[in-house]
């Protein structure tokens, strides 16, 4: 899933890509154009899910994000060798 954010009131629009946009990559050609779009009516919003996230209301997810990030990096440190982290 890709989420596009903007501080503009106008809707986000996209042009049809041209061959040069793919930069010769079959992967870009396969995945650059969305095949499925999830519309609001496809999503069931439940109160216990925390509702829709809006700007200036992100603090309620701060503790969860920190816990999730710590778990992610704990796994990454076991997957990528120490030498790579030292070079990073």
PDB file of N, CA and C in Angstrom:
ATOM      1  N   UNK A   1       0.844  -1.164   0.000  1.00  0.00           N
ATOM      2  CA  UNK A   1       0.000   0.000   0.000  1.00  0.00           C
ATOM      3  C   UNK A   1       0.890   1.228   0.000  1.00  0.00           C
ATOM      4  N   UNK A   2       0.506   2.213  -0.760  1.00  0.00           N
ATOM      5  CA  UNK A   2       1.210   3.484  -0.818  1.00  0.00           C
ATOM      6  C   UNK A   2       0.219   4.571  -0.435  1.00  0.00           C
ATOM      7  N   UNK A   3       0.640   5.455   0.441  1.00  0.00           N
ATOM      8  CA  UNK A   3      -0.202   6.570   0.862  1.00  0.00           C
ATOM      9  C   UNK A   3       0.480   7.851   0.430  1.00  0.00           C
ATOM     10  N   UNK A   4      -0.231   8.709  -0.262  1.00  0.00           N
ATOM     11  CA  UNK A   4       0.291   9.985  -0.705  1.00  0.00           C
ATOM     12  C   UNK A   4      -0.285  11.077   0.179  1.00  0.00           C
ATOM     13  N   UNK A   5       0.573  11.880   0.777  1.00  0.00           N
ATOM     14  CA  UNK A   5       0.138  12.961   1.661  1.00  0.00           C
ATOM     15  C   UNK A   5       0.477  14.307   1.033  1.00  0.00           C
ATOM     16  N   UNK A   6      -0.376  15.268   1.265  1.00  0.00           N
ATOM     17  CA  UNK A   6      -0.143  16.608   0.758  1.00  0.00           C
ATOM     18  C   UNK A   6      -0.776  17.618   1.696  1.00  0.00           C
ATOM     19  N   UNK A   7      -0.218  18.805   1.738  1.00  0.00           N
ATOM     20  CA  UNK A   7      -0.837  19.861   2.542  1.00  0.00           C
ATOM     21  C   UNK A   7      -1.688  20.776   1.668  1.00  0.00           C
ATOM     22  N   UNK A   8      -1.924  20.359   0.452  1.00  0.00           N
ATOM     23  CA  UNK A   8      -2.748  21.121  -0.481  1.00  0.00           C
ATOM     24  C   UNK A   8      -4.205  20.697  -0.347  1.00  0.00           C
ATOM     25  N   UNK A   9      -5.100  21.622  -0.595  1.00  0.00           N
ATOM     26  CA  UNK A   9      -6.531  21.306  -0.555  1.00  0.00           C
ATOM     27  C   UNK A   9      -6.989  20.614  -1.837  1.00  0.00           C
ATOM     28  N   UNK A  10      -6.219  20.768  -2.917  1.00  0.00           N
ATOM     29  CA  UNK A  10      -6.621  20.154  -4.182  1.00  0.00           C
ATOM     30  C   UNK A  10      -6.270  18.661  -4.176  1.00  0.00           C
ATOM     31  N   UNK A  11      -7.036  17.860  -4.901  1.00  0.00           N
ATOM     32  CA  UNK A  11      -6.784  16.414  -4.908  1.00  0.00           C
ATOM     33  C   UNK A  11      -5.471  16.073  -5.612  1.00  0.00           C
ATOM     34  N   UNK A  12      -4.874  14.965  -5.212  1.00  0.00           N
ATOM     35  CA  UNK A  12      -3.651  14.471  -5.844  1.00  0.00           C
ATOM     36  C   UNK A  12      -4.049  13.821  -7.166  1.00  0.00           C
ATOM     37  N   UNK A  13      -3.360  14.188  -8.226  1.00  0.00           N
ATOM     38  CA  UNK A  13      -3.625  13.593  -9.537  1.00  0.00           C
ATOM     39  C   UNK A  13      -2.327  13.034 -10.101  1.00  0.00           C
ATOM     40  N   UNK A  14      -2.448  12.062 -10.965  1.00  0.00           N
ATOM     41  CA  UNK A  14      -1.289  11.418 -11.572  1.00  0.00           C
ATOM     42  C   UNK A  14      -1.469  11.374 -13.075  1.00  0.00           C
ATOM     43  N   UNK A  15      -0.376  11.528 -13.786  1.00  0.00           N
ATOM     44  CA  UNK A  15      -0.425  11.403 -15.237  1.00  0.00           C
ATOM     45  C   UNK A  15      -0.080   9.966 -15.599  1.00  0.00           C
ATOM     46  N   UNK A  16      -0.462   9.575 -16.795  1.00  0.00           N
ATOM     47  CA  UNK A  16      -0.116   8.247 -17.285  1.00  0.00           C
ATOM     48  C   UNK A  16       1.384   8.221 -17.562  1.00  0.00           C
ATOM     49  N   UNK A  17       2.108   7.221 -17.055  1.00  0.00           N
ATOM     50  CA  UNK A  17       3.557   7.198 -17.264  1.00  0.00           C
ATOM     51  C   UNK A  17       3.914   6.937 -18.721  1.00  0.00           C
ATOM     52  N   UNK A  18       5.051   7.457 -19.095  1.00  0.00           N
ATOM     53  CA  UNK A  18       5.601   7.235 -20.428  1.00  0.00           C
ATOM     54  C   UNK A  18       6.696   6.179 -20.327  1.00  0.00           C
ATOM     55  N   UNK A  19       7.079   5.614 -21.456  1.00  0.00           N
ATOM     56  CA  UNK A  19       8.090   4.556 -21.476  1.00  0.00           C
ATOM     57  C   UNK A  19       9.364   4.981 -20.728  1.00  0.00           C
ATOM     58  N   UNK A  20       9.778   6.243 -20.896  1.00  0.00           N
ATOM     59  CA  UNK A  20      11.017   6.713 -20.255  1.00  0.00           C
ATOM     60  C   UNK A  20      10.904   6.748 -18.731  1.00  0.00           C
ATOM     61  N   UNK A  21       9.685   6.814 -18.178  1.00  0.00           N
ATOM     62  CA  UNK A  21       9.496   6.814 -16.729  1.00  0.00           C
ATOM     63  C   UNK A  21       9.920   5.498 -16.084  1.00  0.00           C
ATOM     64  N   UNK A  22       9.884   4.418 -16.846  1.00  0.00           N
ATOM     65  CA  UNK A  22      10.236   3.108 -16.311  1.00  0.00           C
ATOM     66  C   UNK A  22      11.743   2.890 -16.228  1.00  0.00           C
ATOM     67  N   UNK A  23      12.518   3.765 -16.840  1.00  0.00           N
ATOM     68  CA  UNK A  23      13.986   3.704 -16.811  1.00  0.00           C
ATOM     69  C   UNK A  23      14.519   2.340 -17.229  1.00  0.00           C
ATOM     70  N   UNK A  24      13.822   1.691 -18.169  1.00  0.00           N
ATOM     71  CA  UNK A  24      14.274   0.391 -18.667  1.00  0.00           C
ATOM     72  C   UNK A  24      14.080  -0.748 -17.680  1.00  0.00           C
ATOM     73  N   UNK A  25      13.332  -0.538 -16.619  1.00  0.00           N
ATOM     74  CA  UNK A  25      13.153  -1.551 -15.582  1.00  0.00           C
ATOM     75  C   UNK A  25      11.808  -2.258 -15.738  1.00  0.00           C
ATOM     76  N   UNK A  26      11.851  -3.591 -15.884  1.00  0.00           N
ATOM     77  CA  UNK A  26      10.615  -4.371 -15.979  1.00  0.00           C
ATOM     78  C   UNK A  26       9.843  -4.307 -14.657  1.00  0.00           C
ATOM     79  N   UNK A  27      10.554  -4.220 -13.547  1.00  0.00           N
ATOM     80  CA  UNK A  27       9.893  -4.122 -12.242  1.00  0.00           C
ATOM     81  C   UNK A  27       9.093  -2.835 -12.158  1.00  0.00           C
ATOM     82  N   UNK A  28       9.680  -1.723 -12.568  1.00  0.00           N
ATOM     83  CA  UNK A  28       8.942  -0.456 -12.563  1.00  0.00           C
ATOM     84  C   UNK A  28       7.738  -0.533 -13.488  1.00  0.00           C
ATOM     85  N   UNK A  29       7.931  -1.134 -14.621  1.00  0.00           N
ATOM     86  CA  UNK A  29       6.839  -1.243 -15.586  1.00  0.00           C
ATOM     87  C   UNK A  29       5.693  -2.085 -15.020  1.00  0.00           C
ATOM     88  N   UNK A  30       6.041  -3.103 -14.254  1.00  0.00           N
ATOM     89  CA  UNK A  30       5.037  -3.981 -13.665  1.00  0.00           C
ATOM     90  C   UNK A  30       4.317  -3.326 -12.495  1.00  0.00           C
ATOM     91  N   UNK A  31       5.055  -2.574 -11.670  1.00  0.00           N
ATOM     92  CA  UNK A  31       4.489  -2.099 -10.402  1.00  0.00           C
ATOM     93  C   UNK A  31       4.205  -0.602 -10.318  1.00  0.00           C
ATOM     94  N   UNK A  32       4.622   0.172 -11.300  1.00  0.00           N
ATOM     95  CA  UNK A  32       4.434   1.613 -11.205  1.00  0.00           C
ATOM     96  C   UNK A  32       2.964   2.016 -11.285  1.00  0.00           C
ATOM     97  N   UNK A  33       2.215   1.335 -12.116  1.00  0.00           N
ATOM     98  CA  UNK A  33       0.791   1.644 -12.235  1.00  0.00           C
ATOM     99  C   UNK A  33      -0.018   0.806 -11.247  1.00  0.00           C
ATOM    100  N   UNK A  34      -0.884   1.440 -10.470  1.00  0.00           N
ATOM    101  CA  UNK A  34      -1.703   0.658  -9.527  1.00  0.00           C
ATOM    102  C   UNK A  34      -2.691  -0.235 -10.272  1.00  0.00           C
ATOM    103  N   UNK A  35      -2.841  -1.449  -9.778  1.00  0.00           N
ATOM    104  CA  UNK A  35      -3.801  -2.367 -10.369  1.00  0.00           C
ATOM    105  C   UNK A  35      -5.096  -2.379  -9.560  1.00  0.00           C
ATOM    106  N   UNK A  36      -4.998  -2.030  -8.302  1.00  0.00           N
ATOM    107  CA  UNK A  36      -6.156  -2.038  -7.410  1.00  0.00           C
ATOM    108  C   UNK A  36      -6.169  -0.738  -6.626  1.00  0.00           C
ATOM    109  N   UNK A  37      -7.324  -0.198  -6.425  1.00  0.00           N
ATOM    110  CA  UNK A  37      -7.456   0.995  -5.608  1.00  0.00           C
ATOM    111  C   UNK A  37      -8.427   0.675  -4.490  1.00  0.00           C
ATOM    112  N   UNK A  38      -8.043   0.995  -3.263  1.00  0.00           N
ATOM    113  CA  UNK A  38      -8.902   0.758  -2.110  1.00  0.00           C
ATOM    114  C   UNK A  38      -9.664   2.051  -1.828  1.00  0.00           C
ATOM    115  N   UNK A  39     -10.957   1.980  -1.946  1.00  0.00           N
ATOM    116  CA  UNK A  39     -11.800   3.140  -1.697  1.00  0.00           C
ATOM    117  C   UNK A  39     -12.328   3.108  -0.271  1.00  0.00           C
ATOM    118  N   UNK A  40     -12.758   4.262   0.217  1.00  0.00           N
ATOM    119  CA  UNK A  40     -13.276   4.341   1.588  1.00  0.00           C
ATOM    120  C   UNK A  40     -14.362   3.309   1.855  1.00  0.00           C
ATOM    121  N   UNK A  41     -15.233   3.073   0.879  1.00  0.00           N
ATOM    122  CA  UNK A  41     -16.336   2.140   1.111  1.00  0.00           C
ATOM    123  C   UNK A  41     -15.874   0.692   1.243  1.00  0.00           C
ATOM    124  N   UNK A  42     -14.601   0.414   0.882  1.00  0.00           N
ATOM    125  CA  UNK A  42     -14.049  -0.929   1.039  1.00  0.00           C
ATOM    126  C   UNK A  42     -13.480  -1.165   2.436  1.00  0.00           C
ATOM    127  N   UNK A  43     -13.377  -0.116   3.211  1.00  0.00           N
ATOM    128  CA  UNK A  43     -12.748  -0.204   4.528  1.00  0.00           C
ATOM    129  C   UNK A  43     -13.810  -0.109   5.611  1.00  0.00           C
ATOM    130  N   UNK A  44     -13.737  -1.016   6.540  1.00  0.00           N
ATOM    131  CA  UNK A  44     -14.651  -0.963   7.674  1.00  0.00           C
ATOM    132  C   UNK A  44     -13.913  -0.281   8.831  1.00  0.00           C
ATOM    133  N   UNK A  45     -14.377   0.896   9.193  1.00  0.00           N
ATOM    134  CA  UNK A  45     -13.753   1.647  10.268  1.00  0.00           C
ATOM    135  C   UNK A  45     -14.384   1.248  11.593  1.00  0.00           C
ATOM    136  N   UNK A  46     -13.590   0.715  12.490  1.00  0.00           N
ATOM    137  CA  UNK A  46     -14.068   0.302  13.801  1.00  0.00           C
ATOM    138  C   UNK A  46     -13.521   1.237  14.865  1.00  0.00           C
ATOM    139  N   UNK A  47     -14.343   1.565  15.833  1.00  0.00           N
ATOM    140  CA  UNK A  47     -13.927   2.478  16.892  1.00  0.00           C
ATOM    141  C   UNK A  47     -12.690   1.950  17.624  1.00  0.00           C
ATOM    142  N   UNK A  48     -12.651   0.629  17.864  1.00  0.00           N
ATOM    143  CA  UNK A  48     -11.520   0.051  18.601  1.00  0.00           C
ATOM    144  C   UNK A  48     -10.210   0.082  17.807  1.00  0.00           C
ATOM    145  N   UNK A  49     -10.284   0.369  16.511  1.00  0.00           N
ATOM    146  CA  UNK A  49      -9.071   0.509  15.697  1.00  0.00           C
ATOM    147  C   UNK A  49      -8.397   1.862  15.919  1.00  0.00           C
ATOM    148  N   UNK A  50      -9.066   2.756  16.604  1.00  0.00           N
ATOM    149  CA  UNK A  50      -8.493   4.071  16.848  1.00  0.00           C
ATOM    150  C   UNK A  50      -8.996   5.132  15.887  1.00  0.00           C
ATOM    151  N   UNK A  51      -9.817   4.737  14.927  1.00  0.00           N
ATOM    152  CA  UNK A  51     -10.370   5.716  13.994  1.00  0.00           C
ATOM    153  C   UNK A  51      -9.376   6.133  12.925  1.00  0.00           C
ATOM    154  N   UNK A  52      -9.787   7.073  12.129  1.00  0.00           N
ATOM    155  CA  UNK A  52      -8.955   7.583  11.041  1.00  0.00           C
ATOM    156  C   UNK A  52      -7.879   8.505  11.613  1.00  0.00           C
ATOM    157  N   UNK A  53      -6.650   8.324  11.175  1.00  0.00           N
ATOM    158  CA  UNK A  53      -5.541   9.152  11.623  1.00  0.00           C
ATOM    159  C   UNK A  53      -5.563  10.476  10.868  1.00  0.00           C
ATOM    160  N   UNK A  54      -5.621  11.563  11.591  1.00  0.00           N
ATOM    161  CA  UNK A  54      -5.614  12.887  10.976  1.00  0.00           C
ATOM    162  C   UNK A  54      -4.406  13.668  11.465  1.00  0.00           C
ATOM    163  N   UNK A  55      -4.067  14.749  10.727  1.00  0.00           N
ATOM    164  CA  UNK A  55      -2.895  15.526  11.128  1.00  0.00           C
ATOM    165  C   UNK A  55      -3.129  16.121  12.520  1.00  0.00           C
ATOM    166  N   UNK A  56      -2.057  16.320  13.235  1.00  0.00           N
ATOM    167  CA  UNK A  56      -2.064  16.843  14.603  1.00  0.00           C
ATOM    168  C   UNK A  56      -2.764  15.916  15.585  1.00  0.00           C
ATOM    169  N   UNK A  57      -2.970  14.648  15.200  1.00  0.00           N
ATOM    170  CA  UNK A  57      -3.582  13.678  16.105  1.00  0.00           C
ATOM    171  C   UNK A  57      -2.751  12.398  16.127  1.00  0.00           C
ATOM    172  N   UNK A  58      -1.451  12.539  15.909  1.00  0.00           N
ATOM    173  CA  UNK A  58      -0.588  11.371  15.805  1.00  0.00           C
ATOM    174  C   UNK A  58      -0.009  10.924  17.143  1.00  0.00           C
ATOM    175  N   UNK A  59      -0.100  11.756  18.154  1.00  0.00           N
ATOM    176  CA  UNK A  59       0.500  11.431  19.455  1.00  0.00           C
ATOM    177  C   UNK A  59      -0.085  10.161  20.056  1.00  0.00           C
ATOM    178  N   UNK A  60      -1.336   9.856  19.733  1.00  0.00           N
ATOM    179  CA  UNK A  60      -1.968   8.669  20.306  1.00  0.00           C
ATOM    180  C   UNK A  60      -1.323   7.372  19.822  1.00  0.00           C
ATOM    181  N   UNK A  61      -0.538   7.443  18.751  1.00  0.00           N
ATOM    182  CA  UNK A  61       0.147   6.257  18.237  1.00  0.00           C
ATOM    183  C   UNK A  61       1.641   6.241  18.588  1.00  0.00           C
ATOM    184  N   UNK A  62       2.108   7.234  19.306  1.00  0.00           N
ATOM    185  CA  UNK A  62       3.538   7.376  19.575  1.00  0.00           C
ATOM    186  C   UNK A  62       4.129   6.167  20.294  1.00  0.00           C
ATOM    187  N   UNK A  63       3.495   5.712  21.364  1.00  0.00           N
ATOM    188  CA  UNK A  63       4.027   4.570  22.127  1.00  0.00           C
ATOM    189  C   UNK A  63       4.058   3.314  21.259  1.00  0.00           C
ATOM    190  N   UNK A  64       3.006   3.092  20.479  1.00  0.00           N
ATOM    191  CA  UNK A  64       2.960   1.925  19.599  1.00  0.00           C
ATOM    192  C   UNK A  64       4.054   2.004  18.547  1.00  0.00           C
ATOM    193  N   UNK A  65       4.275   3.194  17.961  1.00  0.00           N
ATOM    194  CA  UNK A  65       5.301   3.351  16.936  1.00  0.00           C
ATOM    195  C   UNK A  65       6.691   3.092  17.503  1.00  0.00           C
ATOM    196  N   UNK A  66       6.948   3.586  18.714  1.00  0.00           N
ATOM    197  CA  UNK A  66       8.259   3.374  19.326  1.00  0.00           C
ATOM    198  C   UNK A  66       8.496   1.886  19.589  1.00  0.00           C
ATOM    199  N   UNK A  67       7.494   1.190  20.112  1.00  0.00           N
ATOM    200  CA  UNK A  67       7.622  -0.247  20.387  1.00  0.00           C
ATOM    201  C   UNK A  67       7.839  -1.010  19.080  1.00  0.00           C
ATOM    202  N   UNK A  68       7.079  -0.653  18.047  1.00  0.00           N
ATOM    203  CA  UNK A  68       7.199  -1.307  16.747  1.00  0.00           C
ATOM    204  C   UNK A  68       8.584  -1.071  16.146  1.00  0.00           C
ATOM    205  N   UNK A  69       9.078   0.157  16.234  1.00  0.00           N
ATOM    206  CA  UNK A  69      10.398   0.491  15.683  1.00  0.00           C
ATOM    207  C   UNK A  69      11.505  -0.270  16.411  1.00  0.00           C
ATOM    208  N   UNK A  70      11.406  -0.345  17.723  1.00  0.00           N
ATOM    209  CA  UNK A  70      12.423  -1.078  18.496  1.00  0.00           C
ATOM    210  C   UNK A  70      12.430  -2.558  18.102  1.00  0.00           C
ATOM    211  N   UNK A  71      11.245  -3.135  17.912  1.00  0.00           N
ATOM    212  CA  UNK A  71      11.163  -4.530  17.479  1.00  0.00           C
ATOM    213  C   UNK A  71      11.751  -4.725  16.093  1.00  0.00           C
ATOM    214  N   UNK A  72      11.453  -3.787  15.202  1.00  0.00           N
ATOM    215  CA  UNK A  72      11.975  -3.860  13.829  1.00  0.00           C
ATOM    216  C   UNK A  72      13.502  -3.847  13.837  1.00  0.00           C
ATOM    217  N   UNK A  73      14.089  -2.901  14.561  1.00  0.00           N
ATOM    218  CA  UNK A  73      15.547  -2.791  14.544  1.00  0.00           C
ATOM    219  C   UNK A  73      16.218  -3.919  15.302  1.00  0.00           C
ATOM    220  N   UNK A  74      15.540  -4.506  16.273  1.00  0.00           N
ATOM    221  CA  UNK A  74      16.097  -5.691  16.947  1.00  0.00           C
ATOM    222  C   UNK A  74      16.224  -6.829  15.937  1.00  0.00           C
ATOM    223  N   UNK A  75      15.226  -7.003  15.095  1.00  0.00           N
ATOM    224  CA  UNK A  75      15.278  -8.031  14.055  1.00  0.00           C
ATOM    225  C   UNK A  75      16.352  -7.680  13.025  1.00  0.00           C
ATOM    226  N   UNK A  76      16.406  -6.421  12.593  1.00  0.00           N
ATOM    227  CA  UNK A  76      17.385  -6.014  11.585  1.00  0.00           C
ATOM    228  C   UNK A  76      18.815  -6.271  12.061  1.00  0.00           C
ATOM    229  N   UNK A  77      19.058  -6.104  13.338  1.00  0.00           N
ATOM    230  CA  UNK A  77      20.417  -6.324  13.863  1.00  0.00           C
ATOM    231  C   UNK A  77      20.803  -7.802  13.834  1.00  0.00           C
ATOM    232  N   UNK A  78      19.811  -8.683  13.779  1.00  0.00           N
ATOM    233  CA  UNK A  78      20.143 -10.108  13.669  1.00  0.00           C
ATOM    234  C   UNK A  78      20.260 -10.533  12.209  1.00  0.00           C
ATOM    235  N   UNK A  79      19.682  -9.768  11.301  1.00  0.00           N
ATOM    236  CA  UNK A  79      19.675 -10.119   9.883  1.00  0.00           C
ATOM    237  C   UNK A  79      20.902  -9.560   9.165  1.00  0.00           C
ATOM    238  N   UNK A  80      21.292  -8.353   9.523  1.00  0.00           N
ATOM    239  CA  UNK A  80      22.421  -7.697   8.857  1.00  0.00           C
ATOM    240  C   UNK A  80      23.652  -7.793   9.762  1.00  0.00           C
ATOM    241  N   UNK A  81      24.786  -8.230   9.222  1.00  0.00           N
ATOM    242  CA  UNK A  81      26.001  -8.396  10.026  1.00  0.00           C
ATOM    243  C   UNK A  81      26.467  -7.082  10.666  1.00  0.00           C
ATOM    244  N   UNK A  82      27.129  -7.195  11.810  1.00  0.00           N
ATOM    245  CA  UNK A  82      27.637  -6.047  12.561  1.00  0.00           C
ATOM    246  C   UNK A  82      28.514  -5.148  11.701  1.00  0.00           C
ATOM    247  N   UNK A  83      29.329  -5.745  10.835  1.00  0.00           N
ATOM    248  CA  UNK A  83      30.238  -4.969   9.991  1.00  0.00           C
ATOM    249  C   UNK A  83      29.468  -3.982   9.110  1.00  0.00           C
ATOM    250  N   UNK A  84      28.313  -4.407   8.638  1.00  0.00           N
ATOM    251  CA  UNK A  84      27.493  -3.523   7.802  1.00  0.00           C
ATOM    252  C   UNK A  84      26.989  -2.345   8.629  1.00  0.00           C
ATOM    253  N   UNK A  85      26.521  -2.615   9.851  1.00  0.00           N
ATOM    254  CA  UNK A  85      26.034  -1.536  10.719  1.00  0.00           C
ATOM    255  C   UNK A  85      27.153  -0.550  11.030  1.00  0.00           C
ATOM    256  N   UNK A  86      28.378  -1.058  11.235  1.00  0.00           N
ATOM    257  CA  UNK A  86      29.503  -0.166  11.550  1.00  0.00           C
ATOM    258  C   UNK A  86      29.818   0.736  10.362  1.00  0.00           C
ATOM    259  N   UNK A  87      29.708   0.206   9.147  1.00  0.00           N
ATOM    260  CA  UNK A  87      29.951   1.020   7.948  1.00  0.00           C
ATOM    261  C   UNK A  87      28.839   2.009   7.689  1.00  0.00           C
ATOM    262  N   UNK A  88      27.650   1.680   8.137  1.00  0.00           N
ATOM    263  CA  UNK A  88      26.473   2.519   7.884  1.00  0.00           C
ATOM    264  C   UNK A  88      26.639   3.817   8.606  1.00  0.00           C
TER     265      UNK A  88
END
